[in-house]
């Protein structure tokens, strides 16, 4: 899946992150960022939940 396609599914809330983790870069807390984790099941559920979306290809390509 292309990143831009994924972003377009996240914006309207079709795919949501069930959890996030903190990732640290370097030794200081100043370099810490939260990273959202997504599940493949939430992405696979998009075509059934939103049949108006017709990409013509499986979402994982």
N, C-alpha and C. Protein backbone atom coordinates (compact mmCIF):
# COMPACT_ATOMS: atom_id res chain seq x y z
N UNK A 1 0.84 -1.17 0.00
CA UNK A 1 0.00 0.00 0.00
C UNK A 1 0.89 1.23 0.00
N UNK A 2 0.49 2.21 -0.80
CA UNK A 2 1.25 3.45 -0.83
C UNK A 2 0.94 4.28 0.41
N UNK A 3 1.92 5.01 0.86
CA UNK A 3 1.75 5.83 2.06
C UNK A 3 0.63 6.85 1.89
N UNK A 4 0.51 7.43 0.71
CA UNK A 4 -0.53 8.44 0.47
C UNK A 4 -1.91 7.81 0.59
N UNK A 5 -2.09 6.57 0.11
CA UNK A 5 -3.38 5.90 0.24
C UNK A 5 -3.71 5.63 1.71
N UNK A 6 -2.70 5.22 2.45
CA UNK A 6 -2.89 4.98 3.87
C UNK A 6 -3.29 6.26 4.59
N UNK A 7 -2.62 7.36 4.28
CA UNK A 7 -2.94 8.65 4.90
C UNK A 7 -4.38 9.07 4.62
N UNK A 8 -4.87 8.78 3.40
CA UNK A 8 -6.23 9.14 3.05
C UNK A 8 -7.25 8.28 3.80
N UNK A 9 -6.86 7.12 4.28
CA UNK A 9 -7.77 6.30 5.09
C UNK A 9 -7.73 6.71 6.56
N UNK A 10 -6.61 7.26 7.01
CA UNK A 10 -6.48 7.69 8.41
C UNK A 10 -7.21 9.01 8.64
N UNK A 11 -7.13 9.93 7.69
CA UNK A 11 -7.73 11.27 7.86
C UNK A 11 -9.21 11.22 8.23
N UNK A 12 -10.05 10.47 7.51
CA UNK A 12 -11.47 10.45 7.88
C UNK A 12 -11.78 9.52 9.05
N UNK A 13 -10.78 8.83 9.55
CA UNK A 13 -10.99 7.95 10.70
C UNK A 13 -11.38 6.53 10.35
N UNK A 14 -11.20 6.14 9.07
CA UNK A 14 -11.52 4.78 8.66
C UNK A 14 -10.57 3.78 9.28
N UNK A 15 -9.33 4.18 9.49
CA UNK A 15 -8.32 3.35 10.14
C UNK A 15 -7.83 4.12 11.35
N UNK A 16 -7.89 3.48 12.50
CA UNK A 16 -7.47 4.14 13.74
C UNK A 16 -6.36 3.35 14.41
N UNK A 17 -5.53 4.05 15.11
CA UNK A 17 -4.43 3.43 15.84
C UNK A 17 -4.93 2.98 17.21
N UNK A 18 -4.89 1.67 17.49
CA UNK A 18 -5.34 1.21 18.81
C UNK A 18 -4.35 1.52 19.93
N UNK A 19 -3.10 1.76 19.57
CA UNK A 19 -2.12 2.10 20.60
C UNK A 19 -0.94 2.82 19.97
N UNK A 20 -0.16 3.45 20.82
CA UNK A 20 1.07 4.10 20.36
C UNK A 20 2.17 3.81 21.36
N UNK A 21 3.39 3.93 20.89
CA UNK A 21 4.55 3.72 21.76
C UNK A 21 5.45 4.94 21.67
N UNK A 22 6.26 5.10 22.68
CA UNK A 22 7.23 6.19 22.68
C UNK A 22 8.56 5.64 22.18
N UNK A 23 9.13 6.31 21.19
CA UNK A 23 10.41 5.90 20.64
C UNK A 23 11.40 7.02 20.93
N UNK A 24 12.53 6.64 21.47
CA UNK A 24 13.56 7.63 21.81
C UNK A 24 14.70 7.58 20.81
N UNK A 25 15.14 8.73 20.41
CA UNK A 25 16.27 8.86 19.52
C UNK A 25 17.41 9.47 20.33
N UNK A 26 18.49 8.74 20.49
CA UNK A 26 19.59 9.22 21.32
C UNK A 26 19.33 8.91 22.78
N UNK A 27 20.06 9.56 23.65
CA UNK A 27 19.98 9.27 25.08
C UNK A 27 19.07 10.24 25.83
N UNK A 28 18.69 11.34 25.23
CA UNK A 28 17.88 12.32 25.97
C UNK A 28 16.39 12.15 25.69
N UNK A 29 15.58 12.63 26.58
CA UNK A 29 14.13 12.59 26.41
C UNK A 29 13.68 13.59 25.35
N UNK A 30 14.51 14.55 25.03
CA UNK A 30 14.17 15.56 24.04
C UNK A 30 13.96 14.95 22.65
N UNK A 31 14.54 13.78 22.41
CA UNK A 31 14.40 13.13 21.11
C UNK A 31 13.29 12.10 21.06
N UNK A 32 12.40 12.06 22.07
CA UNK A 32 11.34 11.06 22.12
C UNK A 32 10.12 11.53 21.32
N UNK A 33 9.54 10.60 20.57
CA UNK A 33 8.31 10.87 19.81
C UNK A 33 7.34 9.71 20.01
N UNK A 34 6.06 9.99 19.89
CA UNK A 34 5.04 8.93 19.94
C UNK A 34 4.80 8.42 18.53
N UNK A 35 4.80 7.10 18.38
CA UNK A 35 4.59 6.46 17.09
C UNK A 35 3.32 5.63 17.16
N UNK A 36 2.38 5.89 16.27
CA UNK A 36 1.11 5.16 16.25
C UNK A 36 1.33 3.77 15.65
N UNK A 37 0.70 2.77 16.25
CA UNK A 37 0.75 1.41 15.75
C UNK A 37 -0.61 1.05 15.17
N UNK A 38 -0.63 0.49 13.99
CA UNK A 38 -1.87 0.11 13.32
C UNK A 38 -1.88 -1.40 13.12
N UNK A 39 -3.07 -1.98 13.00
CA UNK A 39 -3.18 -3.41 12.76
C UNK A 39 -3.60 -3.66 11.31
N UNK A 40 -3.16 -4.77 10.77
CA UNK A 40 -3.55 -5.14 9.41
C UNK A 40 -5.05 -5.40 9.33
N UNK A 41 -5.64 -5.90 10.40
CA UNK A 41 -7.08 -6.19 10.41
C UNK A 41 -7.90 -4.91 10.21
N UNK A 42 -7.46 -3.80 10.79
CA UNK A 42 -8.22 -2.56 10.62
C UNK A 42 -8.14 -2.07 9.18
N UNK A 43 -7.04 -2.31 8.51
CA UNK A 43 -6.90 -1.92 7.11
C UNK A 43 -7.72 -2.86 6.21
N UNK A 44 -7.70 -4.15 6.52
CA UNK A 44 -8.47 -5.12 5.74
C UNK A 44 -9.97 -4.90 5.86
N UNK A 45 -10.42 -4.27 6.94
CA UNK A 45 -11.85 -4.04 7.15
C UNK A 45 -12.39 -2.85 6.36
N UNK A 46 -11.54 -2.02 5.78
CA UNK A 46 -11.98 -0.82 5.08
C UNK A 46 -12.89 -1.13 3.89
N UNK A 47 -12.57 -2.08 2.99
CA UNK A 47 -13.46 -2.32 1.85
C UNK A 47 -14.86 -2.76 2.26
N UNK A 48 -14.99 -3.55 3.30
CA UNK A 48 -16.32 -3.99 3.75
C UNK A 48 -17.09 -2.84 4.40
N UNK A 49 -16.40 -2.01 5.14
CA UNK A 49 -17.05 -0.90 5.84
C UNK A 49 -17.37 0.27 4.91
N UNK A 50 -16.59 0.42 3.84
CA UNK A 50 -16.76 1.55 2.91
C UNK A 50 -16.75 1.04 1.47
N UNK A 51 -17.85 0.44 1.03
CA UNK A 51 -17.89 -0.10 -0.34
C UNK A 51 -17.82 0.98 -1.42
N UNK A 52 -18.02 2.23 -1.05
CA UNK A 52 -17.92 3.30 -2.03
C UNK A 52 -16.50 3.53 -2.52
N UNK A 53 -15.53 2.98 -1.78
CA UNK A 53 -14.13 3.11 -2.16
C UNK A 53 -13.80 1.98 -3.13
N UNK A 54 -13.42 2.33 -4.33
CA UNK A 54 -13.08 1.32 -5.33
C UNK A 54 -11.71 1.66 -5.89
N UNK A 55 -10.70 1.03 -5.36
CA UNK A 55 -9.35 1.33 -5.82
C UNK A 55 -8.95 0.43 -6.98
N UNK A 56 -9.67 -0.65 -7.21
CA UNK A 56 -9.37 -1.53 -8.33
C UNK A 56 -8.27 -2.53 -8.04
N UNK A 57 -7.55 -2.35 -6.99
CA UNK A 57 -6.48 -3.26 -6.60
C UNK A 57 -6.66 -3.64 -5.14
N UNK A 58 -6.13 -4.77 -4.73
CA UNK A 58 -6.14 -5.07 -3.29
C UNK A 58 -5.38 -3.97 -2.54
N UNK A 59 -5.82 -3.65 -1.34
CA UNK A 59 -5.21 -2.56 -0.59
C UNK A 59 -3.76 -2.82 -0.21
N UNK A 60 -3.34 -4.07 -0.19
CA UNK A 60 -1.98 -4.35 0.27
C UNK A 60 -0.96 -4.25 -0.83
N UNK A 61 -1.34 -3.93 -2.07
CA UNK A 61 -0.35 -3.78 -3.15
C UNK A 61 0.17 -2.39 -3.22
